[in-house]
Amino acid sequence: MSNVNADFGHKAERIIRDKGMTKRAVSEKSGIPYSSLNSTLKGYRAVTLEFIIALAEAVGVSPSDLLPSQFVAEALASKEGEAK
């Protein structure tokens, strides 16, 4: 399992818990089959943009809230470079 997949899964599971939801409820609300949701959160399946958007909508957060910190840091650094 890559660090990005692991980071994504840990962060997403924490957000799901913080929202007081279960993975089963998120699966039903998002339309993502439970086995696919669980496999992706455990890092066994690749994370796709469609998955991130569906998960974010189901738990009521912005898709960027689910991104691993590496992506957020890279995006901020890139933005700062563009501003100069």
Protein backbone atom coordinates (compact mmCIF):
# COMPACT_ATOMS: atom_id res chain seq x y z
CA MET A 1 0.00 0.00 0.00
CA SER A 2 1.40 3.35 -0.97
CA ASN A 3 1.67 6.16 1.56
CA VAL A 4 -0.83 8.27 -0.41
CA ASN A 5 -3.47 5.53 -0.33
CA ALA A 6 -2.83 4.89 3.36
CA ASP A 7 -2.97 8.60 4.20
CA PHE A 8 -6.18 9.02 2.23
CA GLY A 9 -7.80 6.02 3.91
CA HIS A 10 -6.84 7.09 7.43
CA LYS A 11 -8.01 10.65 6.86
CA ALA A 12 -11.29 9.58 5.24
CA GLU A 13 -12.07 7.07 8.00
CA ARG A 14 -11.39 9.75 10.64
CA ILE A 15 -13.72 12.19 8.87
CA ILE A 16 -16.43 9.53 8.60
CA ARG A 17 -16.14 8.83 12.35
CA ASP A 18 -16.06 12.55 13.20
CA LYS A 19 -19.29 13.01 11.25
CA GLY A 20 -20.87 10.24 13.35
CA MET A 21 -21.37 8.01 10.32
CA THR A 22 -20.56 4.39 9.61
CA LYS A 23 -18.93 3.11 6.45
CA ARG A 24 -22.17 1.24 5.74
CA ALA A 25 -24.17 4.50 5.92
CA VAL A 26 -21.62 6.29 3.71
CA SER A 27 -21.82 3.44 1.21
CA GLU A 28 -25.60 3.71 1.02
CA LYS A 29 -25.61 7.51 0.80
CA SER A 30 -22.81 7.72 -1.79
CA GLY A 31 -23.85 4.78 -3.94
CA ILE A 32 -20.36 3.31 -3.60
CA PRO A 33 -20.64 -0.44 -2.96
CA TYR A 34 -19.55 -1.22 0.60
CA SER A 35 -16.82 -3.62 -0.55
CA SER A 36 -15.36 -0.96 -2.88
CA LEU A 37 -15.54 1.71 -0.18
CA ASN A 38 -13.87 -0.50 2.39
CA SER A 39 -11.18 -1.72 -0.04
CA THR A 40 -10.34 1.83 -1.06
CA LEU A 41 -10.20 3.09 2.52
CA LYS A 42 -7.90 0.18 3.41
CA GLY A 43 -5.63 1.07 0.47
CA TYR A 44 -6.32 -2.03 -1.61
CA ARG A 45 -7.89 -0.06 -4.47
CA ALA A 46 -6.71 3.09 -6.18
CA VAL A 47 -8.43 6.32 -5.20
CA THR A 48 -10.18 8.05 -8.10
CA LEU A 49 -11.50 11.56 -8.44
CA GLU A 50 -15.03 10.19 -8.80
CA PHE A 51 -14.59 8.27 -5.54
CA ILE A 52 -13.35 11.37 -3.69
CA ILE A 53 -16.26 13.48 -4.95
CA ALA A 54 -18.90 10.85 -4.09
CA LEU A 55 -17.40 10.31 -0.63
CA ALA A 56 -17.16 14.06 0.05
CA GLU A 57 -20.79 14.61 -0.93
CA ALA A 58 -21.93 11.69 1.24
CA VAL A 59 -20.16 12.93 4.37
CA GLY A 60 -20.77 16.64 3.74
CA VAL A 61 -17.24 17.92 3.26
CA SER A 62 -15.29 19.51 0.44
CA PRO A 63 -13.36 17.06 -1.73
CA SER A 64 -10.17 18.93 -0.78
CA ASP A 65 -10.82 18.02 2.88
CA LEU A 66 -10.20 14.38 1.95
CA LEU A 67 -6.90 14.93 0.18
CA PRO A 68 -3.76 13.72 1.90
CA SER A 69 -1.59 16.47 3.34
CA GLN A 70 1.08 15.88 0.67
CA PHE A 71 -1.32 17.08 -2.04
CA VAL A 72 -2.44 20.12 -0.09
CA ALA A 73 1.18 21.14 0.60
CA GLU A 74 2.12 20.66 -3.07
CA ALA A 75 -0.90 22.68 -4.22
CA LEU A 76 -0.08 25.53 -1.85
CA ALA A 77 3.57 25.55 -2.93
CA SER A 78 2.49 25.58 -6.56
CA LYS A 79 0.11 28.47 -5.93
CA GLU A 80 2.84 30.46 -4.20
CA GLY A 81 5.15 29.86 -7.17
CA GLU A 82 2.49 31.15 -9.56
CA ALA A 83 1.96 34.29 -7.50
CA LYS A 84 5.62 35.33 -7.68
